[in-house]
C-alpha atoms as a PDB file:
ATOM      1  CA  MET A   1      39.520  23.783  -8.358  1.00  0.00           C
ATOM      2  CA  ALA A   2      35.778  24.532  -7.775  1.00  0.00           C
ATOM      3  CA  LEU A   3      33.498  24.796 -10.721  1.00  0.00           C
ATOM      4  CA  GLN A   4      31.171  27.572 -10.914  1.00  0.00           C
ATOM      5  CA  VAL A   5      27.655  27.242 -12.666  1.00  0.00           C
ATOM      6  CA  SER A   6      27.897  28.999 -15.915  1.00  0.00           C
ATOM      7  CA  GLU A   7      26.979  28.388 -19.480  1.00  0.00           C
ATOM      8  CA  ARG A   8      29.733  25.747 -19.695  1.00  0.00           C
ATOM      9  CA  THR A   9      28.613  24.035 -16.551  1.00  0.00           C
ATOM     10  CA  SER A  10      24.956  24.023 -16.167  1.00  0.00           C
ATOM     11  CA  ILE A  11      22.885  22.922 -13.270  1.00  0.00           C
ATOM     12  CA  HIS A  12      21.706  20.023 -15.350  1.00  0.00           C
ATOM     13  CA  ASP A  13      25.373  18.908 -16.047  1.00  0.00           C
ATOM     14  CA  LEU A  14      26.301  19.321 -12.345  1.00  0.00           C
ATOM     15  CA  ALA A  15      23.534  16.993 -11.297  1.00  0.00           C
ATOM     16  CA  VAL A  16      24.194  14.438 -13.975  1.00  0.00           C
ATOM     17  CA  ASP A  17      28.036  14.363 -13.078  1.00  0.00           C
ATOM     18  CA  ALA A  18      27.129  14.155  -9.252  1.00  0.00           C
ATOM     19  CA  SER A  19      24.750  11.208 -10.022  1.00  0.00           C
ATOM     20  CA  VAL A  20      27.262   9.450 -11.978  1.00  0.00           C
ATOM     21  CA  ARG A  21      29.925   9.640  -9.289  1.00  0.00           C
ATOM     22  CA  MET A  22      27.251   8.308  -6.718  1.00  0.00           C
ATOM     23  CA  TYR A  23      26.569   5.232  -8.932  1.00  0.00           C
ATOM     24  CA  GLU A  24      30.272   4.694  -9.610  1.00  0.00           C
ATOM     25  CA  GLY A  25      31.045   5.023  -5.812  1.00  0.00           C
ATOM     26  CA  ASP A  26      28.405   2.226  -5.343  1.00  0.00           C
ATOM     27  CA  GLY A  27      30.221   0.034  -7.994  1.00  0.00           C
ATOM     28  CA  TYR A  28      27.784   0.628 -10.755  1.00  0.00           C
ATOM     29  CA  GLN A  29      28.506   1.626 -14.356  1.00  0.00           C
ATOM     30  CA  ALA A  30      26.522   4.747 -15.283  1.00  0.00           C
ATOM     31  CA  LEU A  31      26.339   5.475 -18.997  1.00  0.00           C
ATOM     32  CA  VAL A  32      25.919   9.283 -19.742  1.00  0.00           C
ATOM     33  CA  ARG A  33      23.565  10.316 -22.689  1.00  0.00           C
ATOM     34  CA  HIS A  34      22.863   6.748 -23.474  1.00  0.00           C
ATOM     35  CA  GLN A  35      19.885   5.187 -25.446  1.00  0.00           C
ATOM     36  CA  PRO A  36      19.619   1.463 -24.647  1.00  0.00           C
ATOM     37  CA  ARG A  37      17.041   0.634 -27.466  1.00  0.00           C
ATOM     38  CA  ALA A  38      16.345   3.412 -29.883  1.00  0.00           C
ATOM     39  CA  SER A  39      13.640   1.355 -31.620  1.00  0.00           C
ATOM     40  CA  VAL A  40      11.601   1.058 -28.467  1.00  0.00           C
ATOM     41  CA  TYR A  41      12.414   4.247 -26.357  1.00  0.00           C
ATOM     42  CA  GLY A  42      13.013   6.742 -29.185  1.00  0.00           C
ATOM     43  CA  ARG A  43      16.245   8.162 -30.603  1.00  0.00           C
ATOM     44  CA  ALA A  44      17.052  10.704 -27.952  1.00  0.00           C
ATOM     45  CA  PRO A  45      19.353   9.434 -25.242  1.00  0.00           C
ATOM     46  CA  PHE A  46      18.595   9.282 -21.577  1.00  0.00           C
ATOM     47  CA  ASP A  47      20.781  11.369 -19.260  1.00  0.00           C
ATOM     48  CA  LEU A  48      21.898   8.281 -17.606  1.00  0.00           C
ATOM     49  CA  PHE A  49      21.405   4.651 -18.069  1.00  0.00           C
ATOM     50  CA  VAL A  50      22.470   2.123 -15.292  1.00  0.00           C
ATOM     51  CA  PRO A  51      22.525  -1.385 -16.925  1.00  0.00           C
ATOM     52  CA  ALA A  52      22.877  -3.295 -13.866  1.00  0.00           C
ATOM     53  CA  LEU A  53      19.910  -1.804 -12.218  1.00  0.00           C
ATOM     54  CA  GLY A  54      17.769  -1.558 -15.464  1.00  0.00           C
ATOM     55  CA  ARG A  55      17.470   2.108 -14.599  1.00  0.00           C
ATOM     56  CA  VAL A  56      16.969   5.073 -16.908  1.00  0.00           C
ATOM     57  CA  GLN A  57      17.419   8.514 -15.166  1.00  0.00           C
ATOM     58  CA  GLU A  58      16.467  11.912 -16.420  1.00  0.00           C
ATOM     59  CA  VAL A  59      17.707  15.083 -14.744  1.00  0.00           C
ATOM     60  CA  GLU A  60      15.217  18.031 -15.116  1.00  0.00           C
ATOM     61  CA  THR A  61      15.410  21.723 -14.314  1.00  0.00           C
ATOM     62  CA  ALA A  62      12.606  24.187 -13.516  1.00  0.00           C
ATOM     63  CA  ASP A  63      12.672  25.056 -17.339  1.00  0.00           C
ATOM     64  CA  SER A  64      12.787  21.621 -18.684  1.00  0.00           C
ATOM     65  CA  LEU A  65      10.356  19.693 -16.353  1.00  0.00           C
ATOM     66  CA  PRO A  66       7.131  20.887 -18.250  1.00  0.00           C
ATOM     67  CA  GLY A  67       8.627  19.634 -21.564  1.00  0.00           C
ATOM     68  CA  LEU A  68       9.617  16.134 -20.269  1.00  0.00           C
ATOM     69  CA  ASP A  69       8.392  13.243 -22.621  1.00  0.00           C
ATOM     70  CA  LEU A  70       5.944  11.464 -20.102  1.00  0.00           C
ATOM     71  CA  ALA A  71       4.821   8.925 -22.766  1.00  0.00           C
ATOM     72  CA  ARG A  72       8.367   7.814 -23.398  1.00  0.00           C
ATOM     73  CA  LEU A  73       8.912   7.350 -19.584  1.00  0.00           C
ATOM     74  CA  ARG A  74       5.845   5.362 -19.287  1.00  0.00           C
ATOM     75  CA  ARG A  75       7.058   3.013 -22.194  1.00  0.00           C
ATOM     76  CA  CYS A  76      10.153   2.482 -20.098  1.00  0.00           C
ATOM     77  CA  ARG A  77       8.273   1.322 -17.136  1.00  0.00           C
ATOM     78  CA  LYS A  78       5.894  -0.843 -19.234  1.00  0.00           C
ATOM     79  CA  ARG A  79       9.195  -2.567 -20.623  1.00  0.00           C
ATOM     80  CA  GLY A  80      10.456  -3.255 -17.066  1.00  0.00           C
ATOM     81  CA  LEU A  81      12.970  -0.349 -16.656  1.00  0.00           C
ATOM     82  CA  GLN A  82      13.080   1.591 -13.596  1.00  0.00           C
ATOM     83  CA  VAL A  83      12.540   5.361 -14.114  1.00  0.00           C
ATOM     84  CA  TRP A  84      14.070   7.757 -11.817  1.00  0.00           C
ATOM     85  CA  VAL A  85      13.805  11.604 -12.306  1.00  0.00           C
ATOM     86  CA  LEU A  86      15.920  14.188 -10.483  1.00  0.00           C
ATOM     87  CA  VAL A  87      14.398  17.480 -10.028  1.00  0.00           C
ATOM     88  CA  PRO A  88      15.397  20.767  -8.244  1.00  0.00           C
ATOM     89  CA  GLN A  89      13.949  20.803  -4.808  1.00  0.00           C
ATOM     90  CA  ASP A  90      11.874  23.828  -5.463  1.00  0.00           C
ATOM     91  CA  THR A  91      10.053  22.095  -8.298  1.00  0.00           C
ATOM     92  CA  LEU A  92       9.249  18.838  -6.139  1.00  0.00           C
ATOM     93  CA  THR A  93       5.447  19.584  -5.896  1.00  0.00           C
ATOM     94  CA  ALA A  94       5.152  20.067  -9.576  1.00  0.00           C
ATOM     95  CA  ALA A  95       7.172  16.884 -10.229  1.00  0.00           C
ATOM     96  CA  HIS A  96       4.942  14.890  -8.070  1.00  0.00           C
ATOM     97  CA  ALA A  97       1.890  15.962  -9.953  1.00  0.00           C
ATOM     98  CA  ALA A  98       3.363  15.592 -13.361  1.00  0.00           C
ATOM     99  CA  LEU A  99       5.146  12.245 -12.783  1.00  0.00           C
ATOM    100  CA  LYS A 100       2.456  10.328 -11.078  1.00  0.00           C
ATOM    101  CA  ASP A 101       2.177   6.773 -12.679  1.00  0.00           C
ATOM    102  CA  THR A 102       5.106   7.797 -14.915  1.00  0.00           C
ATOM    103  CA  ALA A 103       8.199   7.539 -12.716  1.00  0.00           C
ATOM    104  CA  ASP A 104       9.295   5.032 -10.046  1.00  0.00           C
ATOM    105  CA  HIS A 105      11.078   7.707  -8.035  1.00  0.00           C
ATOM    106  CA  ILE A 106      11.717  11.385  -7.869  1.00  0.00           C
ATOM    107  CA  VAL A 107      14.845  12.589  -6.315  1.00  0.00           C
ATOM    108  CA  PRO A 108      15.205  16.169  -5.246  1.00  0.00           C
ATOM    109  CA  PHE A 109      18.518  17.940  -5.640  1.00  0.00           C
ATOM    110  CA  TRP A 110      19.784  21.412  -4.759  1.00  0.00           C
ATOM    111  CA  ILE A 111      23.104  23.134  -5.449  1.00  0.00           C
ATOM    112  CA  LEU A 112      25.491  24.419  -2.583  1.00  0.00           C
ATOM    113  CA  ASP A 113      28.283  26.945  -2.780  1.00  0.00           C
ATOM    114  CA  GLY A 114      27.836  27.274  -6.608  1.00  0.00           C
ATOM    115  CA  ASP A 115      28.971  23.770  -7.676  1.00  0.00           C
ATOM    116  CA  ARG A 116      28.188  21.054  -5.080  1.00  0.00           C
ATOM    117  CA  VAL A 117      25.109  19.012  -5.770  1.00  0.00           C
ATOM    118  CA  ARG A 118      23.263  17.446  -2.877  1.00  0.00           C
ATOM    119  CA  PHE A 119      20.467  14.860  -3.140  1.00  0.00           C
ATOM    120  CA  GLY A 120      17.303  14.216  -1.013  1.00  0.00           C
ATOM    121  CA  PRO A 121      15.965  10.894  -0.453  1.00  0.00           C
ATOM    122  CA  PRO A 122      14.163   9.142  -3.395  1.00  0.00           C
ATOM    123  CA  ARG A 123      10.434   9.615  -3.229  1.00  0.00           C
ATOM    124  CA  ARG A 124       7.461   7.947  -4.901  1.00  0.00           C
ATOM    125  CA  PRO A 125       5.388  10.328  -7.114  1.00  0.00           C
END
């Protein structure tokens, strides 16, 4: 049964779910809505945390990208975590400008047929 993007299944959630499946398919545990160290990185959980890679991952939409907490992501990098941010393909230019010196990689994504998420190659901001 195919999922349809709706209020229940947002673009954000589809991208998070697809990303988890990719990590798990490669043999990695991906923790959803996880905060590895609240005292260092703040109380809000990250969309994904991949412990074996030391990677936090945030999934943004066109609406959420301008409000992304850049200082928090910089703290993650300063403490040795990899920072990856997934963004809709049509926001890639804005993401590059916003995430320079903040994220290790930006990954564009897009939705096909209402529910299938596709990812482009990781890019350095």
